[in-house]
Amino acid sequence: MLVAIKKETHHLQLASKPESIVVLDNWINQLVASHLINETLHANISTALNEALTNAIHHGNKLSADKTVNIWVKITENNTLSFTVSDEGNGFNYRTLPQPISPENIEKLTGRGVFIMQQLAHQCTFNAQGNSVELHFLLA
């Protein structure tokens, strides 16, 4: 079922501290409620954005109190939610990440965030520097 939504953009700026996850979750819940997004898509969006924010806070900004993470969501007329999560870090080479499902990594407790984002979003792309990720979710 297609949900007719109006084109709009929202922005959220968060401190580089783990407590910002709660702020993000509340923001996502408001967005989801106002656009009648189903539970499965809500869970996918929440999980993927939590991974992106956690990576930005810990790996990008290195928990630096003077740095922030910016999140934008663009809601388009073609029923797509496009989130951009950017940190102030130096970035990373997302092309050389080890595969978390390979035999040598399967039992490791870390290194799954990007993989999870790629599995849950319809599209996941990084900027060239590796300090910004776009996550696209189809509402249809």
C-alpha atoms as a PDB file:
ATOM      1  CA  MET A   1       0.000   0.000   0.000  1.00  0.00           C
ATOM      2  CA  LEU A   2       1.398   3.374  -0.990  1.00  0.00           C
ATOM      3  CA  VAL A   3       1.203   6.101   1.595  1.00  0.00           C
ATOM      4  CA  ALA A   4       0.863   9.555   0.071  1.00  0.00           C
ATOM      5  CA  ILE A   5       3.212  11.873   1.893  1.00  0.00           C
ATOM      6  CA  LYS A   6       4.316  15.391   1.284  1.00  0.00           C
ATOM      7  CA  LYS A   7       7.867  16.241   0.379  1.00  0.00           C
ATOM      8  CA  GLU A   8       9.762  17.587   3.388  1.00  0.00           C
ATOM      9  CA  THR A   9      13.157  17.680   5.086  1.00  0.00           C
ATOM     10  CA  HIS A  10      14.049  17.413   8.767  1.00  0.00           C
ATOM     11  CA  HIS A  11      17.365  17.902  10.566  1.00  0.00           C
ATOM     12  CA  LEU A  12      18.649  16.660  13.916  1.00  0.00           C
ATOM     13  CA  GLN A  13      21.994  17.614  15.460  1.00  0.00           C
ATOM     14  CA  LEU A  14      23.247  15.363  18.241  1.00  0.00           C
ATOM     15  CA  ALA A  15      26.083  15.474  20.730  1.00  0.00           C
ATOM     16  CA  SER A  16      28.807  12.837  20.396  1.00  0.00           C
ATOM     17  CA  LYS A  17      27.725  10.857  23.419  1.00  0.00           C
ATOM     18  CA  PRO A  18      25.957   7.505  23.728  1.00  0.00           C
ATOM     19  CA  GLU A  19      22.915   9.122  25.368  1.00  0.00           C
ATOM     20  CA  SER A  20      22.085  10.689  21.995  1.00  0.00           C
ATOM     21  CA  ILE A  21      20.665   7.323  20.912  1.00  0.00           C
ATOM     22  CA  VAL A  22      17.593   8.023  23.064  1.00  0.00           C
ATOM     23  CA  VAL A  23      17.066  11.387  21.353  1.00  0.00           C
ATOM     24  CA  LEU A  24      17.379   9.702  17.951  1.00  0.00           C
ATOM     25  CA  ASP A  25      14.894   6.988  18.905  1.00  0.00           C
ATOM     26  CA  ASN A  26      12.329   9.582  20.025  1.00  0.00           C
ATOM     27  CA  TRP A  27      12.846  11.539  16.785  1.00  0.00           C
ATOM     28  CA  ILE A  28      12.366   8.398  14.684  1.00  0.00           C
ATOM     29  CA  ASN A  29       9.226   7.466  16.634  1.00  0.00           C
ATOM     30  CA  GLN A  30       7.700  10.884  15.920  1.00  0.00           C
ATOM     31  CA  LEU A  31       8.593  10.647  12.238  1.00  0.00           C
ATOM     32  CA  VAL A  32       7.169   7.140  11.959  1.00  0.00           C
ATOM     33  CA  ALA A  33       3.941   8.070  13.736  1.00  0.00           C
ATOM     34  CA  SER A  34       3.363  11.106  11.543  1.00  0.00           C
ATOM     35  CA  HIS A  35       3.821   9.134   8.310  1.00  0.00           C
ATOM     36  CA  LEU A  36       2.047   5.853   9.154  1.00  0.00           C
ATOM     37  CA  ILE A  37       5.128   3.685   8.631  1.00  0.00           C
ATOM     38  CA  ASN A  38       4.610  -0.023   9.306  1.00  0.00           C
ATOM     39  CA  GLU A  39       6.294  -1.830  12.197  1.00  0.00           C
ATOM     40  CA  THR A  40       8.801  -3.763  10.086  1.00  0.00           C
ATOM     41  CA  LEU A  41      10.055  -0.678   8.293  1.00  0.00           C
ATOM     42  CA  HIS A  42      10.093   1.218  11.593  1.00  0.00           C
ATOM     43  CA  ALA A  43      12.340  -1.485  13.094  1.00  0.00           C
ATOM     44  CA  ASN A  44      14.648  -1.431  10.051  1.00  0.00           C
ATOM     45  CA  ILE A  45      14.957   2.365  10.127  1.00  0.00           C
ATOM     46  CA  SER A  46      15.569   2.435  13.882  1.00  0.00           C
ATOM     47  CA  THR A  47      18.195  -0.296  13.797  1.00  0.00           C
ATOM     48  CA  ALA A  48      20.069   1.084  10.785  1.00  0.00           C
ATOM     49  CA  LEU A  49      20.097   4.647  12.138  1.00  0.00           C
ATOM     50  CA  ASN A  50      21.179   3.475  15.574  1.00  0.00           C
ATOM     51  CA  GLU A  51      24.118   1.682  13.934  1.00  0.00           C
ATOM     52  CA  ALA A  52      24.992   4.761  11.873  1.00  0.00           C
ATOM     53  CA  LEU A  53      24.810   7.066  14.906  1.00  0.00           C
ATOM     54  CA  THR A  54      26.813   4.687  17.098  1.00  0.00           C
ATOM     55  CA  ASN A  55      29.537   4.460  14.441  1.00  0.00           C
ATOM     56  CA  ALA A  56      29.577   8.248  14.011  1.00  0.00           C
ATOM     57  CA  ILE A  57      29.850   8.870  17.758  1.00  0.00           C
ATOM     58  CA  HIS A  58      32.433   6.190  18.554  1.00  0.00           C
ATOM     59  CA  HIS A  59      34.508   5.773  15.395  1.00  0.00           C
ATOM     60  CA  GLY A  60      33.994   9.091  13.629  1.00  0.00           C
ATOM     61  CA  ASN A  61      33.939  11.658  16.414  1.00  0.00           C
ATOM     62  CA  LYS A  62      35.719   9.409  18.939  1.00  0.00           C
ATOM     63  CA  LEU A  63      33.300  10.487  21.701  1.00  0.00           C
ATOM     64  CA  SER A  64      34.662  14.038  21.456  1.00  0.00           C
ATOM     65  CA  ALA A  65      32.364  16.382  23.388  1.00  0.00           C
ATOM     66  CA  ASP A  66      33.057  19.288  21.025  1.00  0.00           C
ATOM     67  CA  LYS A  67      31.893  17.380  17.918  1.00  0.00           C
ATOM     68  CA  THR A  68      28.388  16.654  16.717  1.00  0.00           C
ATOM     69  CA  VAL A  69      26.579  14.230  14.460  1.00  0.00           C
ATOM     70  CA  ASN A  70      24.073  15.620  11.968  1.00  0.00           C
ATOM     71  CA  ILE A  71      21.149  13.618  10.673  1.00  0.00           C
ATOM     72  CA  TRP A  72      18.902  14.761   7.868  1.00  0.00           C
ATOM     73  CA  VAL A  73      15.855  12.981   6.563  1.00  0.00           C
ATOM     74  CA  LYS A  74      14.390  13.857   3.221  1.00  0.00           C
ATOM     75  CA  ILE A  75      10.932  12.592   2.512  1.00  0.00           C
ATOM     76  CA  THR A  76      10.235  12.543  -1.195  1.00  0.00           C
ATOM     77  CA  GLU A  77       7.041  12.431  -3.191  1.00  0.00           C
ATOM     78  CA  ASN A  78       8.039   9.031  -4.594  1.00  0.00           C
ATOM     79  CA  ASN A  79       7.585   7.429  -1.145  1.00  0.00           C
ATOM     80  CA  THR A  80      11.240   7.250  -0.151  1.00  0.00           C
ATOM     81  CA  LEU A  81      12.827   8.204   3.144  1.00  0.00           C
ATOM     82  CA  SER A  82      16.449   9.240   2.648  1.00  0.00           C
ATOM     83  CA  PHE A  83      18.541   9.653   5.794  1.00  0.00           C
ATOM     84  CA  THR A  84      22.023  11.166   5.843  1.00  0.00           C
ATOM     85  CA  VAL A  85      24.193  10.701   8.930  1.00  0.00           C
ATOM     86  CA  SER A  86      27.412  12.756   9.021  1.00  0.00           C
ATOM     87  CA  ASP A  87      30.112  13.091  11.631  1.00  0.00           C
ATOM     88  CA  GLU A  88      33.104  15.420  11.979  1.00  0.00           C
ATOM     89  CA  GLY A  89      35.709  12.660  11.892  1.00  0.00           C
ATOM     90  CA  ASN A  90      38.322  11.869   9.269  1.00  0.00           C
ATOM     91  CA  GLY A  91      36.224   9.096   7.772  1.00  0.00           C
ATOM     92  CA  PHE A  92      37.247   5.562   6.868  1.00  0.00           C
ATOM     93  CA  ASN A  93      37.649   3.351   3.841  1.00  0.00           C
ATOM     94  CA  TYR A  94      34.316   1.560   3.732  1.00  0.00           C
ATOM     95  CA  ARG A  95      35.475  -0.465   0.710  1.00  0.00           C
ATOM     96  CA  THR A  96      37.989  -2.465   2.755  1.00  0.00           C
ATOM     97  CA  LEU A  97      35.831  -3.525   5.694  1.00  0.00           C
ATOM     98  CA  PRO A  98      36.140  -7.197   6.583  1.00  0.00           C
ATOM     99  CA  GLN A  99      33.005  -9.250   5.969  1.00  0.00           C
ATOM    100  CA  PRO A 100      31.441 -10.027   9.367  1.00  0.00           C
ATOM    101  CA  ILE A 101      29.900 -13.248   8.044  1.00  0.00           C
ATOM    102  CA  SER A 102      33.180 -14.746   6.834  1.00  0.00           C
ATOM    103  CA  PRO A 103      34.431 -17.695   8.908  1.00  0.00           C
ATOM    104  CA  GLU A 104      37.276 -15.756  10.538  1.00  0.00           C
ATOM    105  CA  ASN A 105      34.927 -12.953  11.680  1.00  0.00           C
ATOM    106  CA  ILE A 106      31.667 -14.735  12.445  1.00  0.00           C
ATOM    107  CA  GLU A 107      32.336 -14.999  16.190  1.00  0.00           C
ATOM    108  CA  LYS A 108      33.663 -11.457  16.643  1.00  0.00           C
ATOM    109  CA  LEU A 109      31.444  -9.197  18.735  1.00  0.00           C
ATOM    110  CA  THR A 110      32.135  -6.033  16.712  1.00  0.00           C
ATOM    111  CA  GLY A 111      32.395  -5.008  13.085  1.00  0.00           C
ATOM    112  CA  ARG A 112      28.795  -5.565  12.021  1.00  0.00           C
ATOM    113  CA  GLY A 113      27.349  -2.041  11.893  1.00  0.00           C
ATOM    114  CA  VAL A 114      27.890  -1.282   8.204  1.00  0.00           C
ATOM    115  CA  PHE A 115      26.779  -4.789   7.245  1.00  0.00           C
ATOM    116  CA  ILE A 116      23.563  -4.352   9.250  1.00  0.00           C
ATOM    117  CA  MET A 117      22.865  -0.975   7.623  1.00  0.00           C
ATOM    118  CA  GLN A 118      23.406  -2.490   4.170  1.00  0.00           C
ATOM    119  CA  GLN A 119      21.017  -5.348   4.940  1.00  0.00           C
ATOM    120  CA  LEU A 120      18.202  -3.217   6.367  1.00  0.00           C
ATOM    121  CA  ALA A 121      18.181  -0.201   4.044  1.00  0.00           C
ATOM    122  CA  HIS A 122      17.097  -0.433   0.430  1.00  0.00           C
ATOM    123  CA  GLN A 123      20.246   1.502  -0.436  1.00  0.00           C
ATOM    124  CA  CYS A 124      23.314   2.383   1.647  1.00  0.00           C
ATOM    125  CA  THR A 125      26.022   4.684   0.244  1.00  0.00           C
ATOM    126  CA  PHE A 126      28.988   6.476   1.760  1.00  0.00           C
ATOM    127  CA  ASN A 127      30.608   9.701   0.654  1.00  0.00           C
ATOM    128  CA  ALA A 128      34.180   9.499  -0.677  1.00  0.00           C
ATOM    129  CA  GLN A 129      35.694  10.498   2.670  1.00  0.00           C
ATOM    130  CA  GLY A 130      33.704   7.902   4.604  1.00  0.00           C
ATOM    131  CA  ASN A 131      32.299  10.266   7.232  1.00  0.00           C
ATOM    132  CA  SER A 132      28.760  10.421   5.863  1.00  0.00           C
ATOM    133  CA  VAL A 133      26.318   7.655   5.011  1.00  0.00           C
ATOM    134  CA  GLU A 134      23.003   7.811   3.152  1.00  0.00           C
ATOM    135  CA  LEU A 135      20.329   5.274   3.978  1.00  0.00           C
ATOM    136  CA  HIS A 136      17.292   5.010   1.706  1.00  0.00           C
ATOM    137  CA  PHE A 137      14.067   3.257   2.673  1.00  0.00           C
ATOM    138  CA  LEU A 138      11.128   2.666   0.350  1.00  0.00           C
ATOM    139  CA  LEU A 139       7.691   3.142   1.872  1.00  0.00           C
ATOM    140  CA  ALA A 140       5.928   1.108  -0.816  1.00  0.00           C
END
